[in-house]
Amino acid sequence: METKSENENFLSLPLLSDDNDKVDRAEKDLESYRVVSTGKTSFLKTTFHGLNALSGVGILSTPYALSSGGWLSMILLLFIACTTFYTSLLIKRCMELDQTITSYPDIGDRAFGAAGRISVSVFMNLELYMVATGFLILAGDNLHNLLPDVNFEFWGLEIGGKQSFVLIVALIILPTLLLKSMSILAYVSASAVLASLVIIGSIFWVATYDGIGFHRSGLLVNWGGIPTSFSLYAFCYCAHPVFPTLYTSMKNQKQFSKVMFLCFAFSTITYASIAVMGYLMFGSDVESQITLNLNTENFSSRLAIYNALINPIAKYALMMTPIINRFEERLQSYCDKISFSYLTRTILVISSIIVALTIPFFGDLMSLVGAFLSVTTSILLPCLCYLKISGTCRKLGFELVIIGFTMLMGILILVIGTYTSMADIIRHL
């Protein structure tokens, strides 16, 4: 049995087997107190982190998702919400079965060894990275909508509105990425949750008192847009790689299921509310971000747009934290130097700026992330890892049937949604 040093964040353990049960249990007893006792984040702060991870930028794209698939696509939103809530509990069960697990890649390693760790790490980090990049695109689009005539010149090079705003937002976001305490980040997360509520209130005000109203009827169903709806709804619930970090940071990890229930319930209510309002306001003319439909001359519209900018700033650090932790695990000897740690965080921001400037299509990019990456990390991987770690795959039962159906639906969304979103991106390039 190969065990890594205590300074590292994980142990490389063999797969579950009858011969090794006693040894595994002994190692868990030795390590579990150290792992569990490191958590310092309260129930309330963890809830804010979970809400920040789940409800935020996706709130702006749900009206577009609803307009793509029609009214019946709301069923898809509820289905995705229930499915991803269930898989979040599977992640929790995996971590309960082996308390030496402290991260999402650890789950993959415990289930499938080194190949599992690498696969989970690649999909997790790529998803979080692309979601964080989408935040920069969203912020650039909304600032350009507010200030369409603004351009900047730097060393004789003229930078257009969207591009310059992406750079400005990245500079604002950078200090939040330098924060290393999850407890401190909780206050940033709380501001994002409040911003989501203000966005809903502002848009309701725009419709009720600024003359737009809820007059569009919309389509009952648009079969051609169902893949896009499914992909965008999946993107809304793409926070699973963050959940192990939240779990290990909690003081009382037994309350994690309650945290997940509150987060998913609140997020689904806000997503459904803004989707229905936006579709009734603008119908099939709704943009990929509903804030782009608003008249910037009205105070309520400006308030909604300004609060939409808070979400990317508040969520960027939370999404990037697992990636940073992984880098610092690999480069632990270098990361003892604070300056090197800050350098790696800055490089991550710069690289995401480059991607945001290269692929500036928010709706299409998030649809691709939702179909390919979010479905993989939030539905397929939790199911596969839990089946292997728990041994459920070896016995036919109700739980195996449920997980099998969940995986089948996930594969369908992945294949059809990825093809559709890739075709849209190529068409727009």
Protein backbone atom coordinates (compact mmCIF):
# COMPACT_ATOMS: atom_id res chain seq x y z
CA MET A 1 0.00 0.00 0.00
CA GLU A 2 1.43 3.32 -1.02
CA THR A 3 0.86 6.31 1.26
CA LYS A 4 1.91 9.86 0.59
CA SER A 5 3.30 12.19 3.20
CA GLU A 6 1.11 14.03 5.71
CA ASN A 7 1.95 17.38 4.13
CA GLU A 8 0.03 16.40 1.04
CA ASN A 9 -3.74 16.61 0.79
CA PHE A 10 -4.54 13.07 -0.23
CA LEU A 11 -3.60 9.44 0.19
CA SER A 12 -3.23 6.99 -2.68
CA LEU A 13 -5.31 4.04 -1.44
CA PRO A 14 -6.16 0.75 -3.19
CA LEU A 15 -9.66 -0.03 -4.42
CA LEU A 16 -12.13 -1.46 -1.93
CA SER A 17 -11.69 -5.16 -1.44
CA ASP A 18 -12.42 -7.72 1.24
CA ASP A 19 -8.73 -8.36 1.89
CA ASN A 20 -7.92 -4.75 2.57
CA ASP A 21 -11.02 -3.69 4.53
CA LYS A 22 -9.35 -3.84 7.92
CA VAL A 23 -6.25 -2.02 6.74
CA ASP A 24 -8.31 0.63 4.97
CA ARG A 25 -10.42 1.14 8.08
CA ALA A 26 -7.35 1.53 10.24
CA GLU A 27 -5.88 4.15 7.93
CA LYS A 28 -9.18 6.02 7.83
CA ASP A 29 -9.33 6.05 11.63
CA LEU A 30 -5.88 7.58 11.77
CA GLU A 31 -6.54 10.18 9.10
CA SER A 32 -10.24 11.01 9.50
CA TYR A 33 -9.79 13.22 12.55
CA ARG A 34 -7.17 15.29 10.79
CA VAL A 35 -9.34 15.71 7.68
CA VAL A 36 -12.63 16.43 9.46
CA SER A 37 -11.14 18.75 12.06
CA THR A 38 -9.64 21.11 9.46
CA GLY A 39 -13.08 22.53 8.62
CA LYS A 40 -13.75 25.98 10.04
CA THR A 41 -16.62 27.24 7.88
CA SER A 42 -20.06 27.50 9.48
CA PHE A 43 -23.35 26.18 8.10
CA LEU A 44 -24.44 29.67 7.01
CA LYS A 45 -21.17 30.54 5.28
CA THR A 46 -21.10 27.19 3.47
CA THR A 47 -24.66 27.82 2.31
CA PHE A 48 -23.60 31.18 0.89
CA HIS A 49 -20.71 29.47 -0.93
CA GLY A 50 -23.07 26.87 -2.35
CA LEU A 51 -25.61 29.48 -3.43
CA ASN A 52 -22.86 31.54 -5.00
CA ALA A 53 -21.61 28.51 -6.93
CA LEU A 54 -25.08 27.47 -8.13
CA SER A 55 -27.09 30.65 -8.53
CA GLY A 56 -25.36 33.46 -10.31
CA VAL A 57 -24.42 33.89 -13.95
CA GLY A 58 -26.80 31.16 -15.08
CA ILE A 59 -29.69 33.32 -13.94
CA LEU A 60 -29.13 35.60 -16.93
CA SER A 61 -29.25 32.79 -19.51
CA THR A 62 -32.34 30.87 -18.32
CA PRO A 63 -34.81 33.12 -20.24
CA TYR A 64 -32.83 32.37 -23.42
CA ALA A 65 -32.86 28.66 -22.55
CA LEU A 66 -36.64 28.78 -22.08
CA SER A 67 -37.15 30.65 -25.34
CA SER A 68 -35.01 28.06 -27.16
CA GLY A 69 -37.08 25.09 -26.02
CA GLY A 70 -40.49 26.60 -25.29
CA TRP A 71 -42.63 26.40 -22.16
CA LEU A 72 -42.39 22.63 -21.87
CA SER A 73 -38.62 22.93 -21.47
CA MET A 74 -39.29 24.05 -17.87
CA ILE A 75 -39.70 20.33 -17.19
CA LEU A 76 -36.07 19.94 -18.25
CA LEU A 77 -35.00 22.57 -15.71
CA LEU A 78 -36.71 20.65 -12.89
CA PHE A 79 -35.26 17.36 -14.15
CA ILE A 80 -31.71 18.76 -14.24
CA ALA A 81 -32.18 20.31 -10.78
CA CYS A 82 -33.34 17.01 -9.23
CA THR A 83 -30.65 14.99 -11.01
CA THR A 84 -27.77 17.25 -10.03
CA PHE A 85 -29.03 17.48 -6.44
CA TYR A 86 -29.00 13.69 -6.30
CA THR A 87 -25.45 13.50 -7.71
CA SER A 88 -24.29 16.09 -5.15
CA LEU A 89 -25.44 13.65 -2.47
CA LEU A 90 -23.51 10.88 -4.23
CA ILE A 91 -20.38 13.00 -3.90
CA LYS A 92 -21.07 13.39 -0.19
CA ARG A 93 -21.53 9.62 0.19
CA CYS A 94 -18.22 8.97 -1.57
CA MET A 95 -16.48 11.28 0.89
CA GLU A 96 -18.22 9.61 3.84
CA LEU A 97 -17.08 6.19 2.67
CA ASP A 98 -13.47 7.38 2.71
CA GLN A 99 -12.76 10.37 4.91
CA THR A 100 -9.25 10.75 3.47
CA ILE A 101 -10.92 12.19 0.36
CA THR A 102 -10.56 15.97 0.34
CA SER A 103 -11.11 16.93 -3.30
CA TYR A 104 -12.96 15.89 -6.45
CA PRO A 105 -9.86 14.25 -8.01
CA ASP A 106 -9.47 12.21 -4.81
CA ILE A 107 -12.89 10.67 -5.52
CA GLY A 108 -11.74 9.65 -9.00
CA ASP A 109 -8.54 8.20 -7.54
CA ARG A 110 -10.40 6.22 -4.89
CA ALA A 111 -12.71 4.77 -7.55
CA PHE A 112 -10.41 4.13 -10.52
CA GLY A 113 -6.87 4.79 -9.36
CA ALA A 114 -4.48 7.11 -11.16
CA ALA A 115 -6.52 7.04 -14.39
CA GLY A 116 -9.60 8.16 -12.46
CA ARG A 117 -7.71 10.99 -10.77
CA ILE A 118 -6.37 12.27 -14.09
CA SER A 119 -9.74 12.03 -15.86
CA VAL A 120 -11.63 13.80 -13.08
CA SER A 121 -8.93 16.47 -12.79
CA VAL A 122 -8.99 17.22 -16.52
CA PHE A 123 -12.78 17.55 -16.78
CA MET A 124 -13.13 19.40 -13.48
CA ASN A 125 -10.41 21.95 -14.12
CA LEU A 126 -11.45 22.51 -17.72
CA GLU A 127 -15.07 23.11 -16.69
CA LEU A 128 -14.21 25.51 -13.88
CA TYR A 129 -11.76 27.33 -16.10
CA MET A 130 -14.27 27.75 -18.95
CA VAL A 131 -17.02 28.87 -16.58
CA ALA A 132 -14.69 31.48 -15.06
CA THR A 133 -13.77 32.61 -18.58
CA GLY A 134 -17.47 32.97 -19.35
CA PHE A 135 -17.71 35.39 -16.42
CA LEU A 136 -15.28 37.73 -18.17
CA ILE A 137 -17.26 37.55 -21.43
CA LEU A 138 -20.50 38.28 -19.57
CA ALA A 139 -19.03 41.26 -17.75
CA GLY A 140 -17.54 42.66 -20.95
CA ASP A 141 -20.87 42.33 -22.79
CA ASN A 142 -22.86 44.09 -20.06
CA LEU A 143 -20.39 46.93 -19.58
CA HIS A 144 -20.32 47.46 -23.33
CA ASN A 145 -24.12 47.56 -23.28
CA LEU A 146 -23.96 50.32 -20.67
CA LEU A 147 -21.14 52.26 -22.33
CA PRO A 148 -21.23 51.36 -26.05
CA ASP A 149 -19.12 54.29 -27.23
CA VAL A 150 -16.17 53.77 -24.90
CA ASN A 151 -12.82 52.83 -26.48
CA PHE A 152 -9.30 52.81 -25.10
CA GLU A 153 -5.91 53.37 -26.68
CA PHE A 154 -2.85 51.66 -25.20
CA TRP A 155 0.62 52.25 -26.66
CA GLY A 156 -0.91 53.26 -29.98
CA LEU A 157 -3.15 50.17 -30.07
CA GLU A 158 -6.88 50.90 -30.07
CA ILE A 159 -8.87 48.43 -27.97
CA GLY A 160 -12.59 48.03 -28.64
CA GLY A 161 -15.30 48.35 -26.01
CA LYS A 162 -15.92 44.69 -25.12
CA GLN A 163 -12.23 43.79 -25.16
CA SER A 164 -11.24 46.71 -22.96
CA PHE A 165 -13.99 45.97 -20.46
CA VAL A 166 -12.87 42.34 -20.23
CA LEU A 167 -9.42 43.60 -19.24
CA ILE A 168 -10.82 46.04 -16.68
CA VAL A 169 -13.03 43.40 -15.05
CA ALA A 170 -10.08 40.99 -14.88
CA LEU A 171 -8.07 43.60 -12.97
CA ILE A 172 -10.97 44.04 -10.53
CA ILE A 173 -11.33 40.28 -10.07
CA LEU A 174 -7.62 39.60 -9.47
CA PRO A 175 -7.57 40.72 -5.78
CA THR A 176 -10.41 38.30 -4.91
CA LEU A 177 -8.33 35.46 -6.36
CA LEU A 178 -5.49 36.31 -3.98
CA LEU A 179 -7.72 35.60 -0.95
CA LYS A 180 -6.94 32.15 0.45
CA SER A 181 -9.49 31.88 3.27
CA MET A 182 -12.86 30.29 2.50
CA SER A 183 -14.33 32.13 5.49
CA ILE A 184 -13.32 35.49 4.03
CA LEU A 185 -14.61 34.46 0.60
CA ALA A 186 -18.00 33.78 2.22
CA TYR A 187 -18.61 37.52 2.45
CA VAL A 188 -17.91 37.82 -1.28
CA SER A 189 -20.33 34.93 -1.88
CA ALA A 190 -23.03 36.60 0.23
CA SER A 191 -22.82 39.69 -1.98
CA ALA A 192 -23.37 37.53 -5.07
CA VAL A 193 -26.48 35.92 -3.57
CA LEU A 194 -27.89 39.36 -2.74
CA ALA A 195 -27.06 40.53 -6.27
CA SER A 196 -29.11 37.67 -7.75
CA LEU A 197 -32.15 38.73 -5.72
CA VAL A 198 -31.70 42.35 -6.79
CA ILE A 199 -31.55 41.27 -10.45
CA ILE A 200 -34.88 39.46 -10.15
CA GLY A 201 -36.47 42.43 -8.39
CA SER A 202 -35.10 44.91 -10.93
CA ILE A 203 -36.32 42.94 -13.93
CA PHE A 204 -39.75 42.55 -12.34
CA TRP A 205 -39.79 46.33 -11.83
CA VAL A 206 -38.79 46.89 -15.47
CA ALA A 207 -41.68 44.76 -16.69
CA THR A 208 -44.27 46.14 -14.26
CA TYR A 209 -43.47 49.86 -14.11
CA ASP A 210 -41.26 50.69 -17.11
CA GLY A 211 -43.75 49.78 -19.77
CA ILE A 212 -42.56 46.41 -21.06
CA GLY A 213 -45.11 44.18 -19.36
CA PHE A 214 -45.63 40.41 -19.57
CA HIS A 215 -47.42 40.25 -22.91
CA ARG A 216 -45.47 37.68 -24.95
CA SER A 217 -47.10 34.26 -25.11
CA GLY A 218 -44.17 32.26 -26.49
CA LEU A 219 -44.14 28.75 -27.95
CA LEU A 220 -45.34 25.67 -26.10
CA VAL A 221 -42.40 23.65 -27.40
CA ASN A 222 -39.61 24.16 -29.93
CA TRP A 223 -38.10 20.75 -30.59
CA GLY A 224 -35.15 22.17 -32.49
CA GLY A 225 -34.09 24.24 -29.48
CA ILE A 226 -34.44 21.49 -26.86
CA PRO A 227 -30.71 20.53 -26.99
CA THR A 228 -29.73 24.16 -26.34
CA SER A 229 -32.20 24.39 -23.45
CA PHE A 230 -30.89 21.19 -21.91
CA SER A 231 -27.27 22.35 -22.25
CA LEU A 232 -27.88 25.76 -20.69
CA TYR A 233 -29.90 24.31 -17.83
CA ALA A 234 -27.05 21.87 -17.17
CA PHE A 235 -24.64 24.82 -17.13
CA CYS A 236 -26.74 26.42 -14.38
CA TYR A 237 -25.96 23.48 -12.06
CA CYS A 238 -22.27 23.01 -12.84
CA ALA A 239 -20.84 23.55 -9.35
CA HIS A 240 -20.11 19.92 -8.39
CA PRO A 241 -16.29 20.21 -8.58
CA VAL A 242 -16.56 22.84 -5.83
CA PHE A 243 -18.68 20.70 -3.49
CA PRO A 244 -15.82 18.56 -2.06
CA THR A 245 -14.02 21.80 -1.16
CA LEU A 246 -17.15 23.07 0.61
CA TYR A 247 -17.63 19.72 2.36
CA THR A 248 -14.11 19.58 3.77
CA SER A 249 -14.27 23.25 4.83
CA MET A 250 -17.39 22.73 7.00
CA LYS A 251 -17.27 22.54 10.79
CA ASN A 252 -20.19 20.10 10.91
CA GLN A 253 -20.06 17.98 7.76
CA LYS A 254 -23.21 16.07 8.73
CA GLN A 255 -25.19 19.18 7.75
CA PHE A 256 -23.88 19.14 4.18
CA SER A 257 -27.06 17.49 2.80
CA LYS A 258 -29.15 20.30 4.30
CA VAL A 259 -26.83 22.86 2.72
CA MET A 260 -27.24 21.17 -0.67
CA PHE A 261 -31.04 21.06 -0.36
CA LEU A 262 -31.26 24.76 0.50
CA CYS A 263 -28.87 25.72 -2.30
CA PHE A 264 -30.60 23.68 -5.00
CA ALA A 265 -34.11 24.71 -3.91
CA PHE A 266 -33.24 28.41 -3.80
CA SER A 267 -31.36 28.27 -7.09
CA THR A 268 -34.16 26.45 -8.91
CA ILE A 269 -36.77 28.94 -7.70
CA THR A 270 -34.66 31.90 -8.85
CA TYR A 271 -33.85 30.26 -12.21
CA ALA A 272 -37.50 29.42 -12.89
CA SER A 273 -38.67 32.89 -11.83
CA ILE A 274 -36.30 34.83 -14.06
CA ALA A 275 -36.86 32.42 -16.96
CA VAL A 276 -40.63 32.87 -16.89
CA MET A 277 -40.40 36.66 -16.46
CA GLY A 278 -37.86 37.06 -19.26
CA TYR A 279 -39.78 34.88 -21.71
CA LEU A 280 -43.05 36.71 -20.99
CA MET A 281 -41.27 40.06 -21.45
CA PHE A 282 -39.31 39.46 -24.65
CA GLY A 283 -40.49 36.14 -26.09
CA SER A 284 -38.21 34.67 -28.77
CA ASP A 285 -36.34 38.01 -28.99
CA VAL A 286 -34.64 37.48 -25.62
CA GLU A 287 -30.83 37.64 -25.80
CA SER A 288 -28.39 35.06 -24.42
CA GLN A 289 -28.15 37.40 -21.41
CA ILE A 290 -31.46 39.02 -20.53
CA THR A 291 -29.67 42.17 -19.34
CA LEU A 292 -28.75 42.88 -22.99
CA ASN A 293 -32.48 43.35 -23.73
CA LEU A 294 -32.91 46.05 -21.10
CA ASN A 295 -33.12 49.76 -21.87
CA THR A 296 -30.05 51.25 -20.21
CA GLU A 297 -31.74 54.65 -19.83
CA ASN A 298 -33.96 53.33 -17.02
CA PHE A 299 -32.59 53.22 -13.49
CA SER A 300 -34.08 49.79 -12.80
CA SER A 301 -32.41 48.39 -15.92
CA ARG A 302 -29.07 49.85 -14.94
CA LEU A 303 -29.47 48.44 -11.44
CA ALA A 304 -30.04 44.96 -12.89
CA ILE A 305 -26.97 45.27 -15.14
CA TYR A 306 -24.74 46.57 -12.34
CA ASN A 307 -25.77 43.67 -10.12
CA ALA A 308 -25.18 41.26 -12.99
CA LEU A 309 -21.58 42.45 -12.90
CA ILE A 310 -21.26 41.56 -9.21
CA ASN A 311 -21.81 37.86 -9.89
CA PRO A 312 -18.75 37.34 -12.15
CA ILE A 313 -16.57 39.26 -9.72
CA ALA A 314 -17.85 37.29 -6.73
CA LYS A 315 -17.88 33.84 -8.37
CA TYR A 316 -14.59 33.92 -10.25
CA ALA A 317 -12.42 33.20 -7.19
CA LEU A 318 -14.72 30.42 -5.93
CA MET A 319 -14.61 28.66 -9.32
CA MET A 320 -10.84 29.00 -9.62
CA THR A 321 -10.02 27.88 -6.06
CA PRO A 322 -10.02 24.09 -6.79
CA ILE A 323 -7.73 24.67 -9.80
CA ILE A 324 -5.38 26.78 -7.69
CA ASN A 325 -5.35 24.17 -4.93
CA ARG A 326 -4.39 21.52 -7.47
CA PHE A 327 -1.54 23.65 -8.80
CA GLU A 328 -0.28 24.31 -5.30
CA GLU A 329 -0.42 20.61 -4.44
CA ARG A 330 1.77 19.83 -7.45
CA LEU A 331 4.16 22.71 -6.83
CA GLN A 332 4.11 22.60 -3.05
CA SER A 333 7.83 23.28 -2.58
CA TYR A 334 7.58 26.42 -4.71
CA CYS A 335 4.26 27.56 -3.31
CA ASP A 336 5.78 27.89 0.14
CA LYS A 337 6.88 31.20 -1.28
CA ILE A 338 3.89 33.54 -1.24
CA SER A 339 5.13 35.44 -4.27
CA PHE A 340 5.12 32.29 -6.42
CA SER A 341 1.58 31.45 -5.31
CA TYR A 342 0.41 34.91 -6.33
CA LEU A 343 2.22 34.54 -9.65
CA THR A 344 0.38 31.33 -10.54
CA ARG A 345 -2.98 32.97 -9.72
CA THR A 346 -2.15 35.96 -11.89
CA ILE A 347 -1.14 33.71 -14.80
CA LEU A 348 -4.49 31.91 -14.57
CA VAL A 349 -6.33 35.22 -14.86
CA ILE A 350 -4.23 36.30 -17.85
CA SER A 351 -4.84 33.02 -19.67
CA SER A 352 -8.61 33.25 -19.14
CA ILE A 353 -8.52 36.80 -20.54
CA ILE A 354 -6.94 35.47 -23.73
CA VAL A 355 -9.61 32.78 -24.12
CA ALA A 356 -12.41 35.30 -23.42
CA LEU A 357 -11.09 37.60 -26.15
CA THR A 358 -10.74 34.70 -28.60
CA ILE A 359 -14.24 33.17 -28.13
CA PRO A 360 -16.54 36.09 -27.17
CA PHE A 361 -19.86 34.21 -27.65
CA PHE A 362 -21.35 33.82 -24.19
CA GLY A 363 -24.48 31.83 -25.05
CA ASP A 364 -22.77 29.35 -27.37
CA LEU A 365 -19.76 28.90 -25.09
CA MET A 366 -21.90 28.26 -22.01
CA SER A 367 -24.07 25.85 -24.00
CA LEU A 368 -20.94 23.88 -24.93
CA VAL A 369 -19.70 23.94 -21.33
CA GLY A 370 -23.10 22.76 -20.10
CA ALA A 371 -23.47 19.93 -22.62
CA PHE A 372 -19.96 18.51 -22.57
CA LEU A 373 -18.25 19.51 -19.33
CA SER A 374 -21.10 20.14 -16.86
CA VAL A 375 -22.92 16.93 -17.74
CA THR A 376 -19.67 14.99 -17.37
CA THR A 377 -18.59 16.48 -14.04
CA SER A 378 -22.02 16.98 -12.47
CA ILE A 379 -23.86 13.85 -13.62
CA LEU A 380 -21.70 11.12 -15.17
CA LEU A 381 -18.57 11.19 -13.00
CA PRO A 382 -20.40 11.28 -9.62
CA CYS A 383 -22.51 8.31 -10.71
CA LEU A 384 -19.56 6.27 -12.00
CA CYS A 385 -17.37 6.97 -8.97
CA TYR A 386 -20.12 6.21 -6.48
CA LEU A 387 -20.97 2.92 -8.20
CA LYS A 388 -17.34 1.84 -7.97
CA ILE A 389 -16.55 3.07 -4.45
CA SER A 390 -19.78 1.83 -2.85
CA GLY A 391 -19.90 -1.46 -4.74
CA THR A 392 -23.48 -0.73 -5.88
CA CYS A 393 -22.53 -1.80 -9.42
CA ARG A 394 -22.14 -5.40 -8.20
CA LYS A 395 -25.75 -5.85 -7.13
CA LEU A 396 -28.97 -5.17 -8.99
CA GLY A 397 -31.33 -2.93 -7.06
CA PHE A 398 -33.47 0.17 -7.14
CA GLU A 399 -30.48 2.48 -6.60
CA LEU A 400 -28.58 0.93 -9.52
CA VAL A 401 -31.61 1.40 -11.78
CA ILE A 402 -31.92 5.08 -10.79
CA ILE A 403 -28.22 5.73 -11.36
CA GLY A 404 -28.31 3.85 -14.68
CA PHE A 405 -31.26 5.96 -15.91
CA THR A 406 -29.49 9.13 -14.75
CA MET A 407 -26.35 8.20 -16.67
CA LEU A 408 -28.32 7.32 -19.81
CA MET A 409 -30.01 10.72 -19.85
CA GLY A 410 -26.67 12.39 -19.20
CA ILE A 411 -25.07 10.66 -22.19
CA LEU A 412 -27.93 11.74 -24.47
CA ILE A 413 -27.58 15.38 -23.35
CA LEU A 414 -23.81 15.23 -23.79
CA VAL A 415 -23.87 13.88 -27.34
CA ILE A 416 -26.73 15.94 -28.76
CA GLY A 417 -25.96 19.14 -26.85
CA THR A 418 -22.26 19.12 -27.67
CA TYR A 419 -22.94 18.65 -31.39
CA THR A 420 -25.49 21.48 -31.43
CA SER A 421 -23.35 23.98 -29.51
CA MET A 422 -20.22 23.21 -31.55
CA ALA A 423 -22.19 23.79 -34.74
CA ASP A 424 -23.40 27.16 -33.42
CA ILE A 425 -19.90 28.29 -32.42
CA ILE A 426 -18.47 27.34 -35.83
CA ARG A 427 -21.28 29.19 -37.57
CA HIS A 428 -20.57 32.38 -35.59
CA LEU A 429 -16.80 32.36 -36.03
